[in-house]
């Protein structure tokens, strides 16, 4: 179960990485939508991917992380300037 403390910790870890995005009410749906397409990479995946990698033990991060995506994540990962990519 995800606790409020888990959410606060994840949000703190994303400061400076993820952009605060709009929350808009759509009358036709009767719902609020969180517009994650406003992220610089155009998708919500940065939140989960960055937090997952951030929580890896140092030794695992030093070995590197391989990701696969055919969409927005592939085009923009890694977002932080201190990250690097190795591709054939």
C-alpha atoms as a PDB file:
ATOM      1  CA  UNK A   1       0.000   0.000   0.000  1.00  0.00           C
ATOM      2  CA  UNK A   2       1.333   3.421  -0.952  1.00  0.00           C
ATOM      3  CA  UNK A   3       1.327   5.776   2.003  1.00  0.00           C
ATOM      4  CA  UNK A   4       1.140   9.583   2.039  1.00  0.00           C
ATOM      5  CA  UNK A   5       4.779   9.546   3.181  1.00  0.00           C
ATOM      6  CA  UNK A   6       5.716   7.465   0.089  1.00  0.00           C
ATOM      7  CA  UNK A   7       4.038  10.053  -2.151  1.00  0.00           C
ATOM      8  CA  UNK A   8       5.771  12.954  -0.393  1.00  0.00           C
ATOM      9  CA  UNK A   9       9.155  11.230  -0.671  1.00  0.00           C
ATOM     10  CA  UNK A  10       8.663  10.542  -4.393  1.00  0.00           C
ATOM     11  CA  UNK A  11       7.579  14.138  -5.000  1.00  0.00           C
ATOM     12  CA  UNK A  12      10.652  15.440  -3.180  1.00  0.00           C
ATOM     13  CA  UNK A  13      12.884  13.204  -5.298  1.00  0.00           C
ATOM     14  CA  UNK A  14      11.353  14.612  -8.481  1.00  0.00           C
ATOM     15  CA  UNK A  15      11.961  18.276  -7.642  1.00  0.00           C
ATOM     16  CA  UNK A  16      13.915  19.773 -10.501  1.00  0.00           C
ATOM     17  CA  UNK A  17      13.270  16.708 -12.679  1.00  0.00           C
ATOM     18  CA  UNK A  18       9.526  16.596 -13.378  1.00  0.00           C
ATOM     19  CA  UNK A  19       7.443  19.656 -14.204  1.00  0.00           C
ATOM     20  CA  UNK A  20       4.307  20.509 -12.226  1.00  0.00           C
ATOM     21  CA  UNK A  21       1.490  19.838 -14.650  1.00  0.00           C
ATOM     22  CA  UNK A  22      -2.050  21.161 -14.857  1.00  0.00           C
ATOM     23  CA  UNK A  23      -5.119  19.584 -13.325  1.00  0.00           C
ATOM     24  CA  UNK A  24      -8.187  20.386 -15.419  1.00  0.00           C
ATOM     25  CA  UNK A  25     -11.822  19.552 -14.900  1.00  0.00           C
ATOM     26  CA  UNK A  26     -13.524  18.148 -18.009  1.00  0.00           C
ATOM     27  CA  UNK A  27     -17.273  18.645 -17.738  1.00  0.00           C
ATOM     28  CA  UNK A  28     -18.118  16.009 -20.361  1.00  0.00           C
ATOM     29  CA  UNK A  29     -16.244  13.375 -18.346  1.00  0.00           C
ATOM     30  CA  UNK A  30     -17.192  14.674 -14.934  1.00  0.00           C
ATOM     31  CA  UNK A  31     -13.560  14.209 -13.953  1.00  0.00           C
ATOM     32  CA  UNK A  32     -10.292  16.008 -13.346  1.00  0.00           C
ATOM     33  CA  UNK A  33      -7.465  15.153 -15.734  1.00  0.00           C
ATOM     34  CA  UNK A  34      -3.785  15.486 -14.823  1.00  0.00           C
ATOM     35  CA  UNK A  35      -2.139  16.735 -18.019  1.00  0.00           C
ATOM     36  CA  UNK A  36       1.134  14.847 -17.976  1.00  0.00           C
ATOM     37  CA  UNK A  37       1.537  15.541 -21.681  1.00  0.00           C
ATOM     38  CA  UNK A  38       2.813  18.920 -20.422  1.00  0.00           C
ATOM     39  CA  UNK A  39       6.001  17.213 -19.205  1.00  0.00           C
ATOM     40  CA  UNK A  40       9.022  18.200 -21.328  1.00  0.00           C
ATOM     41  CA  UNK A  41       9.174  14.609 -22.590  1.00  0.00           C
ATOM     42  CA  UNK A  42       5.424  14.568 -23.295  1.00  0.00           C
ATOM     43  CA  UNK A  43       4.544  11.653 -21.012  1.00  0.00           C
ATOM     44  CA  UNK A  44       4.021  10.700 -17.366  1.00  0.00           C
ATOM     45  CA  UNK A  45       6.691   7.985 -17.420  1.00  0.00           C
ATOM     46  CA  UNK A  46       9.420  10.286 -16.152  1.00  0.00           C
ATOM     47  CA  UNK A  47       7.931  10.140 -12.648  1.00  0.00           C
ATOM     48  CA  UNK A  48       7.941   6.364 -12.274  1.00  0.00           C
ATOM     49  CA  UNK A  49      11.114   5.718 -14.242  1.00  0.00           C
ATOM     50  CA  UNK A  50      13.162   8.366 -12.466  1.00  0.00           C
ATOM     51  CA  UNK A  51      11.982   7.299  -9.007  1.00  0.00           C
ATOM     52  CA  UNK A  52      12.646   3.624  -9.754  1.00  0.00           C
ATOM     53  CA  UNK A  53      16.196   4.349 -10.934  1.00  0.00           C
ATOM     54  CA  UNK A  54      16.801   6.815  -8.100  1.00  0.00           C
ATOM     55  CA  UNK A  55      15.960   4.124  -5.544  1.00  0.00           C
ATOM     56  CA  UNK A  56      18.358   1.521  -6.939  1.00  0.00           C
ATOM     57  CA  UNK A  57      21.395   0.730  -4.799  1.00  0.00           C
ATOM     58  CA  UNK A  58      24.508   2.672  -5.862  1.00  0.00           C
ATOM     59  CA  UNK A  59      26.196  -0.483  -7.169  1.00  0.00           C
ATOM     60  CA  UNK A  60      23.246  -1.244  -9.453  1.00  0.00           C
ATOM     61  CA  UNK A  61      23.107   2.325 -10.802  1.00  0.00           C
ATOM     62  CA  UNK A  62      26.855   2.273 -11.474  1.00  0.00           C
ATOM     63  CA  UNK A  63      26.403  -0.833 -13.646  1.00  0.00           C
ATOM     64  CA  UNK A  64      23.903   1.177 -15.692  1.00  0.00           C
ATOM     65  CA  UNK A  65      20.276   0.916 -16.608  1.00  0.00           C
ATOM     66  CA  UNK A  66      18.894  -0.231 -19.933  1.00  0.00           C
ATOM     67  CA  UNK A  67      15.448   0.974 -20.890  1.00  0.00           C
ATOM     68  CA  UNK A  68      13.304   0.254 -23.919  1.00  0.00           C
ATOM     69  CA  UNK A  69      10.566   2.404 -25.341  1.00  0.00           C
ATOM     70  CA  UNK A  70       9.376   3.186 -28.830  1.00  0.00           C
ATOM     71  CA  UNK A  71       7.604   6.367 -27.750  1.00  0.00           C
ATOM     72  CA  UNK A  72       8.255   9.612 -25.905  1.00  0.00           C
ATOM     73  CA  UNK A  73      10.417   8.026 -23.219  1.00  0.00           C
ATOM     74  CA  UNK A  74      12.859   6.679 -25.800  1.00  0.00           C
ATOM     75  CA  UNK A  75      13.134  10.045 -27.497  1.00  0.00           C
ATOM     76  CA  UNK A  76      13.805  12.013 -24.318  1.00  0.00           C
ATOM     77  CA  UNK A  77      15.422   9.653 -21.825  1.00  0.00           C
ATOM     78  CA  UNK A  78      17.621  10.471 -20.044  1.00  0.00           C
ATOM     79  CA  UNK A  79      16.152  13.856 -19.223  1.00  0.00           C
ATOM     80  CA  UNK A  80      18.522  15.028 -16.463  1.00  0.00           C
ATOM     81  CA  UNK A  81      21.647  16.589 -18.011  1.00  0.00           C
ATOM     82  CA  UNK A  82      23.910  14.566 -15.723  1.00  0.00           C
ATOM     83  CA  UNK A  83      22.676  11.300 -17.265  1.00  0.00           C
ATOM     84  CA  UNK A  84      24.187   9.600 -20.256  1.00  0.00           C
ATOM     85  CA  UNK A  85      23.102   7.237 -22.997  1.00  0.00           C
ATOM     86  CA  UNK A  86      25.021   4.583 -24.851  1.00  0.00           C
ATOM     87  CA  UNK A  87      23.447   3.406 -28.100  1.00  0.00           C
ATOM     88  CA  UNK A  88      24.829   1.469 -31.071  1.00  0.00           C
END
